[in-house]
Amino acid sequence: MKSQGLRNVAAGTGLSVAATSLLLQVVALVPGFAMPVQLVVLGVMVALAVSAPVCIVLLRQQARISALHDELAQAFRRLERTARVDGMTGLTNRDVFIEMTRDAMADRDGWLIVADVDHFKQINDGFGHGVGDRVLVAIGDAIQSNLRAGDLCGRLGGEEFGLFLQARNGREAHAAAERLRRTVADLAVSTFAGGKVVPTLSLGVSATHGLSLPEVMRRADEALYDAKRQGRNCTVSAPEPAIENHLRLVSIQG
């Protein structure tokens, strides 16, 4: 941008000098008029004296416009990131995660995991919200470290997180959820008093096969509630849709 501005100054100055020279040549064509060399030199000098400051002012204005353009571009990038990313954990926010998961489900089958931090209210009440924030950040990092190519993750809100996984079967998806649970259980988050908090997760897993996203979310939430009822710090997988439909049919026939 700066080199372009310098080229513009040079072009403007050159144009002014050329125009002045052309004018002097036209005057020199007047019959009986002898153009002194000193007048030509004076004309060129006047052209330079007039045009150069104007071009310099224009160059400075162009530099200001360029700087303003860069600032606006940076502000737009920050705004775009804020609209898509959870500011605390760095994960995608709920709306973006839901949108990305819906798009992924339209393209391929997968498994949805809903994870909730156990006893998070007690952590906030006992150690302060600052420590609670540290716990969420640490869990967000743990989730990202457990992702594989093609997996998605996001913060659904509060102490709840979501993941969309590609897996060959339900057993593999359950194992992936268990790896995340163990990773979080190995964390030791520092408190402001010098102590440690060891968070745990309860997780619910649901296949997406042939289901709408709201239905998958409902099934994963129900599995998560089962994990809470079973004592927390565990993973529960919802029955796969085909098996669940078969069990429902058997129940009706019975």
Protein backbone atom coordinates (compact mmCIF):
# COMPACT_ATOMS: atom_id res chain seq x y z
CA MET A 1 0.00 0.00 0.00
CA LYS A 2 2.85 2.40 0.85
CA SER A 3 4.73 1.66 -2.39
CA GLN A 4 1.50 2.23 -4.31
CA GLY A 5 1.17 5.62 -2.61
CA LEU A 6 4.70 6.57 -3.59
CA ARG A 7 3.98 5.59 -7.17
CA ASN A 8 0.88 7.78 -7.08
CA VAL A 9 2.93 10.75 -5.83
CA ALA A 10 5.51 10.25 -8.57
CA ALA A 11 2.80 9.91 -11.19
CA GLY A 12 0.99 13.02 -9.98
CA THR A 13 4.16 15.09 -9.90
CA GLY A 14 5.22 13.84 -13.33
CA LEU A 15 1.79 14.62 -14.75
CA SER A 16 1.94 18.16 -13.38
CA VAL A 17 5.39 18.76 -14.86
CA ALA A 18 4.34 17.27 -18.20
CA ALA A 19 1.24 19.46 -18.32
CA THR A 20 3.31 22.55 -17.56
CA SER A 21 5.84 21.65 -20.25
CA LEU A 22 3.05 21.11 -22.77
CA LEU A 23 1.54 24.48 -21.93
CA LEU A 24 4.90 26.19 -22.40
CA GLN A 25 5.37 24.45 -25.75
CA VAL A 26 1.96 25.66 -26.90
CA VAL A 27 2.86 29.20 -25.89
CA ALA A 28 6.15 28.87 -27.77
CA LEU A 29 4.20 28.21 -30.98
CA VAL A 30 2.72 31.70 -30.91
CA PRO A 31 4.15 33.58 -33.93
CA GLY A 32 6.83 36.07 -33.02
CA PHE A 33 7.13 34.81 -29.45
CA ALA A 34 10.56 33.59 -28.36
CA MET A 35 10.44 31.32 -25.29
CA PRO A 36 13.39 32.05 -22.98
CA VAL A 37 15.02 28.98 -21.49
CA GLN A 38 14.75 30.58 -18.06
CA LEU A 39 10.97 30.72 -18.43
CA VAL A 40 10.80 27.01 -19.22
CA VAL A 41 12.92 26.16 -16.18
CA LEU A 42 10.83 28.47 -14.02
CA GLY A 43 7.62 26.84 -15.22
CA VAL A 44 8.88 23.37 -14.37
CA MET A 45 10.02 24.51 -10.93
CA VAL A 46 6.65 26.11 -10.23
CA ALA A 47 4.89 22.91 -11.29
CA LEU A 48 7.05 20.91 -8.92
CA ALA A 49 6.56 23.38 -6.08
CA VAL A 50 2.77 23.29 -6.46
CA SER A 51 2.17 19.62 -7.17
CA ALA A 52 4.60 17.95 -4.74
CA PRO A 53 2.97 19.24 -1.50
CA VAL A 54 -0.47 18.33 -2.80
CA CYS A 55 0.69 14.81 -3.63
CA ILE A 56 2.33 14.46 -0.21
CA VAL A 57 -0.93 15.44 1.49
CA LEU A 58 -2.77 12.88 -0.63
CA LEU A 59 -0.19 10.25 0.29
CA ARG A 60 -0.71 10.92 3.99
CA GLN A 61 -4.46 10.67 3.58
CA GLN A 62 -4.03 7.39 1.75
CA ALA A 63 -1.86 6.07 4.61
CA ARG A 64 -4.55 7.03 7.13
CA ILE A 65 -7.23 5.32 5.06
CA SER A 66 -5.07 2.20 4.78
CA ALA A 67 -4.52 2.11 8.56
CA LEU A 68 -8.26 2.57 9.17
CA HIS A 69 -9.01 -0.26 6.74
CA ASP A 70 -6.64 -2.57 8.65
CA GLU A 71 -8.25 -1.64 11.99
CA LEU A 72 -11.73 -2.32 10.63
CA ALA A 73 -10.61 -5.68 9.23
CA GLN A 74 -9.15 -6.68 12.60
CA ALA A 75 -12.31 -5.57 14.42
CA PHE A 76 -14.44 -7.61 12.02
CA ARG A 77 -12.30 -10.71 12.61
CA ARG A 78 -12.62 -10.25 16.39
CA LEU A 79 -16.38 -9.81 16.09
CA GLU A 80 -16.69 -12.87 13.86
CA ARG A 81 -14.68 -14.96 16.32
CA THR A 82 -16.77 -13.70 19.26
CA ALA A 83 -19.94 -14.73 17.43
CA ARG A 84 -18.66 -18.30 16.91
CA VAL A 85 -16.38 -19.11 19.85
CA ASP A 86 -17.02 -19.41 23.57
CA GLY A 87 -14.82 -16.73 25.09
CA MET A 88 -13.84 -18.76 28.16
CA THR A 89 -12.97 -22.21 26.81
CA GLY A 90 -12.12 -21.42 23.19
CA LEU A 91 -14.60 -24.08 22.01
CA THR A 92 -17.35 -23.27 19.54
CA ASN A 93 -20.46 -21.90 21.21
CA ARG A 94 -23.79 -23.73 21.37
CA ASP A 95 -25.35 -22.24 18.23
CA VAL A 96 -22.31 -22.96 16.07
CA PHE A 97 -21.90 -26.48 17.48
CA ILE A 98 -25.56 -27.28 16.79
CA GLU A 99 -25.25 -25.91 13.25
CA MET A 100 -22.05 -27.86 12.54
CA THR A 101 -23.49 -31.06 14.03
CA ARG A 102 -26.65 -30.77 11.96
CA ASP A 103 -24.54 -30.35 8.81
CA ALA A 104 -22.36 -33.31 9.79
CA MET A 105 -25.41 -35.51 10.43
CA ALA A 106 -26.72 -34.69 6.95
CA ASP A 107 -23.46 -36.01 5.53
CA ARG A 108 -22.70 -39.04 7.71
CA ASP A 109 -23.78 -41.04 10.75
CA GLY A 110 -22.05 -40.44 14.04
CA TRP A 111 -22.46 -40.32 17.80
CA LEU A 112 -23.39 -37.38 19.98
CA ILE A 113 -21.90 -37.08 23.46
CA VAL A 114 -23.28 -34.70 26.07
CA ALA A 115 -20.96 -34.19 29.06
CA ASP A 116 -21.76 -32.38 32.30
CA VAL A 117 -19.36 -31.40 35.10
CA ASP A 118 -20.32 -33.15 38.32
CA HIS A 119 -21.08 -31.02 41.40
CA PHE A 120 -20.12 -27.85 39.58
CA LYS A 121 -22.28 -25.67 41.83
CA GLN A 122 -20.38 -26.96 44.86
CA ILE A 123 -17.10 -26.06 43.16
CA ASN A 124 -18.30 -22.51 42.55
CA ASP A 125 -19.78 -22.15 46.03
CA GLY A 126 -16.82 -23.72 47.81
CA PHE A 127 -13.88 -22.24 45.91
CA GLY A 128 -15.34 -19.27 44.04
CA HIS A 129 -16.38 -18.68 40.45
CA GLY A 130 -12.78 -17.99 39.45
CA VAL A 131 -11.85 -21.58 40.26
CA GLY A 132 -15.01 -22.76 38.52
CA ASP A 133 -13.85 -20.90 35.42
CA ARG A 134 -10.46 -22.60 35.67
CA VAL A 135 -12.20 -25.97 35.79
CA LEU A 136 -14.19 -25.19 32.64
CA VAL A 137 -11.06 -24.04 30.81
CA ALA A 138 -9.16 -27.18 31.84
CA ILE A 139 -12.01 -29.41 30.68
CA GLY A 140 -12.25 -27.51 27.39
CA ASP A 141 -8.54 -28.17 26.84
CA ALA A 142 -9.01 -31.84 27.72
CA ILE A 143 -11.86 -32.14 25.21
CA GLN A 144 -9.80 -30.58 22.43
CA SER A 145 -6.84 -32.84 23.21
CA ASN A 146 -9.09 -35.90 22.80
CA LEU A 147 -10.55 -34.90 19.43
CA ARG A 148 -9.72 -36.77 16.25
CA ALA A 149 -9.97 -35.60 12.65
CA GLY A 150 -13.63 -35.09 11.77
CA ASP A 151 -14.81 -34.77 15.39
CA LEU A 152 -16.67 -31.67 16.59
CA CYS A 153 -16.98 -30.13 20.03
CA GLY A 154 -18.58 -27.13 21.69
CA ARG A 155 -19.70 -25.64 24.97
CA LEU A 156 -23.47 -26.05 25.19
CA GLY A 157 -23.78 -23.66 28.12
CA GLY A 158 -22.86 -23.50 31.79
CA GLU A 159 -20.95 -26.66 32.69
CA GLU A 160 -22.29 -28.73 29.77
CA PHE A 161 -20.30 -29.71 26.68
CA GLY A 162 -21.16 -31.48 23.45
CA LEU A 163 -19.16 -33.65 21.05
CA PHE A 164 -20.00 -35.20 17.69
CA LEU A 165 -17.80 -38.21 16.95
CA GLN A 166 -17.15 -40.42 13.99
CA ALA A 167 -16.85 -44.01 15.16
CA ARG A 168 -17.21 -47.44 13.63
CA ASN A 169 -19.79 -48.54 16.19
CA GLY A 170 -21.36 -47.74 19.54
CA ARG A 171 -18.64 -49.57 21.44
CA GLU A 172 -15.97 -47.34 19.94
CA ALA A 173 -18.01 -44.19 20.67
CA HIS A 174 -18.53 -45.30 24.29
CA ALA A 175 -14.79 -45.96 24.62
CA ALA A 176 -14.02 -42.46 23.31
CA ALA A 177 -16.36 -40.96 25.92
CA GLU A 178 -14.66 -43.03 28.62
CA ARG A 179 -11.23 -41.79 27.53
CA LEU A 180 -12.43 -38.22 27.94
CA ARG A 181 -13.94 -39.02 31.34
CA ARG A 182 -10.65 -40.51 32.57
CA THR A 183 -8.65 -37.58 31.17
CA VAL A 184 -10.79 -35.12 33.13
CA ALA A 185 -10.65 -37.25 36.28
CA ASP A 186 -6.84 -37.00 36.11
CA LEU A 187 -6.94 -33.20 36.17
CA ALA A 188 -5.93 -31.25 39.27
CA VAL A 189 -7.06 -27.63 39.01
CA SER A 190 -5.36 -25.18 41.37
CA THR A 191 -7.44 -23.09 43.75
CA PHE A 192 -6.54 -19.57 44.87
CA ALA A 193 -5.74 -20.93 48.33
CA GLY A 194 -3.12 -23.32 46.96
CA GLY A 195 -5.30 -26.43 47.02
CA LYS A 196 -6.48 -28.65 44.17
CA VAL A 197 -9.86 -29.46 42.67
CA VAL A 198 -10.32 -32.74 40.81
CA PRO A 199 -13.36 -32.43 38.52
CA THR A 200 -15.32 -35.34 37.07
CA LEU A 201 -17.74 -35.72 34.18
CA SER A 202 -20.96 -37.59 33.62
CA LEU A 203 -21.53 -38.40 29.95
CA GLY A 204 -24.44 -39.53 27.80
CA VAL A 205 -23.90 -41.04 24.34
CA SER A 206 -26.42 -41.44 21.52
CA ALA A 207 -26.15 -42.66 17.94
CA THR A 208 -27.48 -40.25 15.30
CA HIS A 209 -28.52 -42.93 12.79
CA GLY A 210 -31.72 -41.89 11.02
CA LEU A 211 -32.73 -39.48 13.78
CA SER A 212 -33.29 -35.74 13.88
CA LEU A 213 -30.89 -33.64 15.91
CA PRO A 214 -33.51 -32.77 18.59
CA GLU A 215 -34.22 -36.49 19.02
CA VAL A 216 -30.51 -37.28 19.28
CA MET A 217 -30.07 -34.51 21.86
CA ARG A 218 -33.00 -35.87 23.87
CA ARG A 219 -31.57 -39.39 23.87
CA ALA A 220 -28.09 -38.18 24.86
CA ASP A 221 -29.58 -36.07 27.67
CA GLU A 222 -31.55 -39.05 28.99
CA ALA A 223 -28.39 -41.15 28.98
CA LEU A 224 -26.60 -38.33 30.82
CA TYR A 225 -29.32 -38.26 33.49
CA ASP A 226 -28.92 -42.02 33.87
CA ALA A 227 -25.20 -41.47 34.46
CA LYS A 228 -26.02 -38.93 37.17
CA ARG A 229 -28.44 -41.37 38.81
CA GLN A 230 -25.80 -44.09 38.74
CA GLY A 231 -23.49 -42.01 40.92
CA ARG A 232 -21.85 -39.61 38.44
CA ASN A 233 -18.33 -39.86 36.97
CA CYS A 234 -19.46 -42.47 34.46
CA THR A 235 -20.65 -42.89 30.87
CA VAL A 236 -24.04 -44.22 29.77
CA SER A 237 -24.90 -44.98 26.15
CA ALA A 238 -28.48 -44.87 24.91
CA PRO A 239 -29.66 -48.02 23.10
CA GLU A 240 -29.04 -47.73 19.38
CA PRO A 241 -32.24 -46.81 17.50
CA ALA A 242 -32.73 -50.20 15.83
CA ILE A 243 -32.34 -52.05 19.15
CA GLU A 244 -34.59 -49.59 20.96
CA ASN A 245 -37.32 -49.99 18.33
CA HIS A 246 -37.07 -53.78 18.61
CA LEU A 247 -37.37 -53.65 22.41
CA ARG A 248 -40.37 -51.33 22.15
CA LEU A 249 -42.05 -53.70 19.69
CA VAL A 250 -41.41 -56.69 21.97
CA SER A 251 -42.84 -54.75 24.91
CA ILE A 252 -45.99 -53.90 22.97
CA GLN A 253 -46.47 -57.48 21.77
CA GLY A 254 -45.86 -58.83 25.26
